[in-house]
Amino acid sequence: MAWVYILIGGLLEIGFTTCMRYVDGFKNIPWTLAFLVCIVGSMLFLEAATKSIPIGTAYAVWTGIGALGTVVVGMAFFGEPASLLRGALVLALVGSIAGLKLTSGH
């Protein structure tokens, strides 16, 4: 179940990083509330996962999911560059996340 918590926390991290684009100095209340819900939820799921997954592994996977998702959201919705090199680096990140899970012993 801890790996599900990491996944949910990572998805919520994608949510709060995406919301940051719209909070406008925390003056845009709906986006600020969404940001706060996502960041608190993300941290709660990360904390729950660390009860059975080593903290270093949990944190690396959590940030990896968030980074991967944020890059994909940026390329898909915000016109960020989508080059072959960026694609290869994203695949390397996915491989690193999978490798950490496989070698965690859990």
N, C-alpha and C. Protein backbone atom coordinates (compact mmCIF):
# COMPACT_ATOMS: atom_id res chain seq x y z
N MET A 1 0.81 -1.20 0.00
CA MET A 1 0.00 0.00 0.00
C MET A 1 0.86 1.27 0.00
N ALA A 2 2.06 1.17 0.57
CA ALA A 2 2.93 2.35 0.64
C ALA A 2 3.28 2.87 -0.75
N TRP A 3 3.44 1.98 -1.72
CA TRP A 3 3.77 2.43 -3.07
C TRP A 3 2.59 3.15 -3.71
N VAL A 4 1.39 2.75 -3.36
CA VAL A 4 0.21 3.48 -3.83
C VAL A 4 0.20 4.89 -3.23
N TYR A 5 0.57 4.98 -1.95
CA TYR A 5 0.65 6.30 -1.31
C TYR A 5 1.68 7.20 -2.00
N ILE A 6 2.82 6.61 -2.37
CA ILE A 6 3.84 7.39 -3.08
C ILE A 6 3.29 7.88 -4.42
N LEU A 7 2.60 7.01 -5.13
CA LEU A 7 2.04 7.38 -6.42
C LEU A 7 1.03 8.52 -6.26
N ILE A 8 0.12 8.38 -5.31
CA ILE A 8 -0.88 9.44 -5.08
C ILE A 8 -0.19 10.75 -4.67
N GLY A 9 0.78 10.65 -3.77
CA GLY A 9 1.51 11.84 -3.36
C GLY A 9 2.22 12.50 -4.52
N GLY A 10 2.83 11.70 -5.40
CA GLY A 10 3.50 12.24 -6.57
C GLY A 10 2.53 12.92 -7.52
N LEU A 11 1.34 12.32 -7.71
CA LEU A 11 0.33 12.94 -8.56
C LEU A 11 -0.15 14.27 -7.97
N LEU A 12 -0.29 14.30 -6.65
CA LEU A 12 -0.67 15.56 -6.01
C LEU A 12 0.45 16.60 -6.12
N GLU A 13 1.69 16.14 -6.17
CA GLU A 13 2.80 17.08 -6.38
C GLU A 13 2.69 17.71 -7.77
N ILE A 14 2.32 16.92 -8.75
CA ILE A 14 2.09 17.47 -10.09
C ILE A 14 0.98 18.53 -10.01
N GLY A 15 -0.04 18.23 -9.21
CA GLY A 15 -1.13 19.19 -9.03
C GLY A 15 -0.67 20.50 -8.44
N PHE A 16 0.13 20.44 -7.37
CA PHE A 16 0.51 21.71 -6.74
C PHE A 16 1.51 22.49 -7.59
N THR A 17 2.36 21.80 -8.33
CA THR A 17 3.28 22.55 -9.20
C THR A 17 2.52 23.20 -10.35
N THR A 18 1.51 22.53 -10.85
CA THR A 18 0.69 23.11 -11.91
C THR A 18 -0.12 24.29 -11.37
N CYS A 19 -0.67 24.16 -10.18
CA CYS A 19 -1.44 25.26 -9.57
C CYS A 19 -0.58 26.49 -9.36
N MET A 20 0.72 26.30 -9.07
CA MET A 20 1.60 27.45 -8.82
C MET A 20 1.61 28.42 -9.99
N ARG A 21 1.37 27.90 -11.17
CA ARG A 21 1.34 28.74 -12.36
C ARG A 21 0.23 29.80 -12.28
N TYR A 22 -0.80 29.52 -11.53
CA TYR A 22 -2.00 30.35 -11.52
C TYR A 22 -2.31 31.06 -10.20
N VAL A 23 -1.56 30.82 -9.16
CA VAL A 23 -1.92 31.40 -7.85
C VAL A 23 -1.75 32.93 -7.80
N ASP A 24 -0.92 33.49 -8.67
CA ASP A 24 -0.75 34.94 -8.77
C ASP A 24 -0.45 35.58 -7.42
N GLY A 25 0.65 35.12 -6.81
CA GLY A 25 1.04 35.67 -5.51
C GLY A 25 0.04 35.33 -4.42
N PHE A 26 -0.65 34.23 -4.58
CA PHE A 26 -1.68 33.73 -3.65
C PHE A 26 -2.88 34.67 -3.58
N LYS A 27 -3.08 35.45 -4.64
CA LYS A 27 -4.25 36.34 -4.73
C LYS A 27 -5.41 35.67 -5.44
N ASN A 28 -5.12 34.67 -6.27
CA ASN A 28 -6.18 33.94 -6.97
C ASN A 28 -6.66 32.83 -6.03
N ILE A 29 -7.74 33.08 -5.33
CA ILE A 29 -8.19 32.22 -4.23
C ILE A 29 -8.49 30.78 -4.68
N PRO A 30 -9.26 30.56 -5.75
CA PRO A 30 -9.53 29.15 -6.13
C PRO A 30 -8.25 28.35 -6.42
N TRP A 31 -7.32 28.94 -7.16
CA TRP A 31 -6.07 28.24 -7.46
C TRP A 31 -5.20 28.10 -6.21
N THR A 32 -5.24 29.08 -5.33
CA THR A 32 -4.48 28.99 -4.08
C THR A 32 -5.03 27.86 -3.22
N LEU A 33 -6.35 27.74 -3.14
CA LEU A 33 -6.94 26.64 -2.37
C LEU A 33 -6.58 25.28 -2.98
N ALA A 34 -6.63 25.19 -4.31
CA ALA A 34 -6.24 23.94 -4.97
C ALA A 34 -4.78 23.61 -4.69
N PHE A 35 -3.92 24.64 -4.74
CA PHE A 35 -2.51 24.47 -4.43
C PHE A 35 -2.33 23.93 -3.01
N LEU A 36 -3.02 24.53 -2.05
CA LEU A 36 -2.88 24.11 -0.65
C LEU A 36 -3.40 22.70 -0.42
N VAL A 37 -4.53 22.35 -1.03
CA VAL A 37 -5.06 20.99 -0.90
C VAL A 37 -4.06 19.98 -1.47
N CYS A 38 -3.52 20.29 -2.66
CA CYS A 38 -2.58 19.37 -3.29
C CYS A 38 -1.29 19.23 -2.48
N ILE A 39 -0.74 20.33 -1.98
CA ILE A 39 0.53 20.24 -1.28
C ILE A 39 0.38 19.53 0.07
N VAL A 40 -0.71 19.81 0.77
CA VAL A 40 -0.93 19.13 2.06
C VAL A 40 -1.19 17.65 1.81
N GLY A 41 -2.03 17.33 0.84
CA GLY A 41 -2.29 15.93 0.53
C GLY A 41 -1.04 15.20 0.10
N SER A 42 -0.23 15.84 -0.72
CA SER A 42 1.01 15.22 -1.19
C SER A 42 1.93 14.89 -0.02
N MET A 43 2.07 15.84 0.89
CA MET A 43 2.93 15.61 2.06
C MET A 43 2.37 14.51 2.97
N LEU A 44 1.07 14.48 3.14
CA LEU A 44 0.45 13.44 3.98
C LEU A 44 0.68 12.04 3.39
N PHE A 45 0.53 11.92 2.08
CA PHE A 45 0.76 10.63 1.45
C PHE A 45 2.23 10.24 1.51
N LEU A 46 3.13 11.20 1.32
CA LEU A 46 4.56 10.91 1.44
C LEU A 46 4.87 10.43 2.85
N GLU A 47 4.34 11.12 3.84
CA GLU A 47 4.59 10.74 5.23
C GLU A 47 4.07 9.34 5.52
N ALA A 48 2.89 9.02 5.01
CA ALA A 48 2.31 7.69 5.22
C ALA A 48 3.19 6.61 4.58
N ALA A 49 3.72 6.90 3.41
CA ALA A 49 4.55 5.91 2.72
C ALA A 49 5.85 5.65 3.45
N THR A 50 6.39 6.68 4.11
CA THR A 50 7.69 6.51 4.77
C THR A 50 7.61 5.64 6.02
N LYS A 51 6.41 5.24 6.40
CA LYS A 51 6.29 4.32 7.52
C LYS A 51 6.78 2.93 7.16
N SER A 52 6.80 2.60 5.86
CA SER A 52 7.29 1.27 5.48
C SER A 52 8.30 1.29 4.33
N ILE A 53 8.52 2.42 3.70
CA ILE A 53 9.53 2.55 2.65
C ILE A 53 10.63 3.44 3.19
N PRO A 54 11.90 3.09 2.98
CA PRO A 54 12.99 3.96 3.45
C PRO A 54 12.81 5.39 2.94
N ILE A 55 13.08 6.35 3.80
CA ILE A 55 12.83 7.76 3.49
C ILE A 55 13.56 8.21 2.22
N GLY A 56 14.78 7.79 2.03
CA GLY A 56 15.53 8.20 0.84
C GLY A 56 14.88 7.70 -0.43
N THR A 57 14.45 6.45 -0.42
CA THR A 57 13.78 5.87 -1.58
C THR A 57 12.43 6.54 -1.79
N ALA A 58 11.65 6.70 -0.72
CA ALA A 58 10.32 7.31 -0.85
C ALA A 58 10.43 8.73 -1.40
N TYR A 59 11.36 9.51 -0.86
CA TYR A 59 11.49 10.89 -1.31
C TYR A 59 11.95 10.97 -2.76
N ALA A 60 12.90 10.13 -3.13
CA ALA A 60 13.40 10.14 -4.51
C ALA A 60 12.29 9.76 -5.50
N VAL A 61 11.51 8.75 -5.17
CA VAL A 61 10.44 8.33 -6.06
C VAL A 61 9.35 9.40 -6.11
N TRP A 62 8.99 9.95 -4.97
CA TRP A 62 7.96 11.00 -4.90
C TRP A 62 8.36 12.21 -5.75
N THR A 63 9.59 12.68 -5.58
CA THR A 63 10.03 13.83 -6.36
C THR A 63 10.18 13.47 -7.84
N GLY A 64 10.58 12.23 -8.11
CA GLY A 64 10.70 11.79 -9.50
C GLY A 64 9.36 11.79 -10.21
N ILE A 65 8.33 11.27 -9.54
CA ILE A 65 6.99 11.27 -10.12
C ILE A 65 6.53 12.71 -10.36
N GLY A 66 6.74 13.56 -9.36
CA GLY A 66 6.35 14.96 -9.50
C GLY A 66 7.10 15.66 -10.62
N ALA A 67 8.40 15.43 -10.70
CA ALA A 67 9.21 16.06 -11.75
C ALA A 67 8.80 15.56 -13.12
N LEU A 68 8.65 14.26 -13.24
CA LEU A 68 8.25 13.67 -14.52
C LEU A 68 6.90 14.23 -14.97
N GLY A 69 5.94 14.20 -14.08
CA GLY A 69 4.60 14.68 -14.42
C GLY A 69 4.58 16.16 -14.74
N THR A 70 5.35 16.94 -14.01
CA THR A 70 5.39 18.37 -14.24
C THR A 70 6.02 18.68 -15.59
N VAL A 71 7.05 17.96 -15.97
CA VAL A 71 7.66 18.14 -17.29
C VAL A 71 6.66 17.79 -18.39
N VAL A 72 5.95 16.68 -18.22
CA VAL A 72 4.97 16.26 -19.22
C VAL A 72 3.83 17.27 -19.33
N VAL A 73 3.32 17.75 -18.19
CA VAL A 73 2.26 18.76 -18.20
C VAL A 73 2.76 20.02 -18.89
N GLY A 74 3.98 20.44 -18.58
CA GLY A 74 4.54 21.63 -19.22
C GLY A 74 4.63 21.50 -20.73
N MET A 75 5.07 20.34 -21.19
CA MET A 75 5.19 20.13 -22.63
C MET A 75 3.81 20.00 -23.28
N ALA A 76 2.89 19.31 -22.63
CA ALA A 76 1.58 19.05 -23.22
C ALA A 76 0.65 20.26 -23.21
N PHE A 77 0.73 21.08 -22.16
CA PHE A 77 -0.27 22.14 -22.00
C PHE A 77 0.28 23.56 -22.02
N PHE A 78 1.58 23.73 -21.79
CA PHE A 78 2.11 25.08 -21.65
C PHE A 78 3.19 25.43 -22.68
N GLY A 79 3.30 24.62 -23.71
CA GLY A 79 4.22 24.93 -24.80
C GLY A 79 5.69 24.87 -24.45
N GLU A 80 6.04 24.13 -23.41
CA GLU A 80 7.46 23.98 -23.08
C GLU A 80 8.13 23.09 -24.13
N PRO A 81 9.42 23.25 -24.34
CA PRO A 81 10.10 22.50 -25.40
C PRO A 81 9.96 20.98 -25.22
N ALA A 82 9.71 20.31 -26.34
CA ALA A 82 9.59 18.84 -26.34
C ALA A 82 10.56 18.31 -27.39
N SER A 83 11.81 18.15 -26.99
CA SER A 83 12.83 17.68 -27.92
C SER A 83 13.13 16.21 -27.68
N LEU A 84 13.86 15.62 -28.58
CA LEU A 84 14.27 14.23 -28.45
C LEU A 84 15.13 14.05 -27.20
N LEU A 85 16.01 14.99 -26.93
CA LEU A 85 16.86 14.90 -25.74
C LEU A 85 16.02 14.97 -24.47
N ARG A 86 15.06 15.88 -24.41
CA ARG A 86 14.19 15.95 -23.22
C ARG A 86 13.41 14.65 -23.05
N GLY A 87 12.94 14.08 -24.15
CA GLY A 87 12.24 12.80 -24.09
C GLY A 87 13.12 11.69 -23.55
N ALA A 88 14.37 11.66 -23.99
CA ALA A 88 15.31 10.64 -23.50
C ALA A 88 15.59 10.83 -22.01
N LEU A 89 15.72 12.08 -21.58
CA LEU A 89 15.97 12.34 -20.16
C LEU A 89 14.75 11.97 -19.31
N VAL A 90 13.55 12.20 -19.82
CA VAL A 90 12.34 11.79 -19.11
C VAL A 90 12.31 10.27 -18.99
N LEU A 91 12.66 9.57 -20.05
CA LEU A 91 12.71 8.10 -19.99
C LEU A 91 13.77 7.63 -18.99
N ALA A 92 14.89 8.33 -18.91
CA ALA A 92 15.91 7.97 -17.91
C ALA A 92 15.37 8.17 -16.50
N LEU A 93 14.57 9.22 -16.31
CA LEU A 93 13.95 9.46 -15.00
C LEU A 93 12.98 8.34 -14.65
N VAL A 94 12.17 7.91 -15.61
CA VAL A 94 11.24 6.80 -15.38
C VAL A 94 12.02 5.54 -15.02
N GLY A 95 13.10 5.27 -15.73
CA GLY A 95 13.93 4.12 -15.42
C GLY A 95 14.54 4.19 -14.04
N SER A 96 14.94 5.38 -13.62
CA SER A 96 15.50 5.55 -12.28
C SER A 96 14.45 5.32 -11.20
N ILE A 97 13.24 5.81 -11.42
CA ILE A 97 12.16 5.59 -10.45
C ILE A 97 11.87 4.09 -10.35
N ALA A 98 11.75 3.43 -11.49
CA ALA A 98 11.48 1.99 -11.48
C ALA A 98 12.62 1.23 -10.79
N GLY A 99 13.85 1.63 -11.06
CA GLY A 99 15.00 0.99 -10.43
C GLY A 99 15.00 1.15 -8.92
N LEU A 100 14.65 2.31 -8.43
CA LEU A 100 14.58 2.52 -6.99
C LEU A 100 13.51 1.63 -6.36
N LYS A 101 12.38 1.50 -7.02
CA LYS A 101 11.33 0.63 -6.49
C LYS A 101 11.80 -0.83 -6.47
N LEU A 102 12.43 -1.26 -7.54
CA LEU A 102 12.88 -2.65 -7.64
C LEU A 102 13.96 -3.00 -6.64
N THR A 103 14.77 -2.03 -6.27
CA THR A 103 15.87 -2.31 -5.36
C THR A 103 15.60 -1.91 -3.92
N SER A 104 14.37 -1.47 -3.62
CA SER A 104 14.06 -1.00 -2.28
C SER A 104 13.90 -2.12 -1.26
N GLY A 105 13.66 -3.34 -1.75
CA GLY A 105 13.46 -4.45 -0.82
C GLY A 105 12.05 -4.51 -0.25
N HIS A 106 11.13 -3.71 -0.79
CA HIS A 106 9.75 -3.69 -0.30
C HIS A 106 8.80 -4.04 -1.40
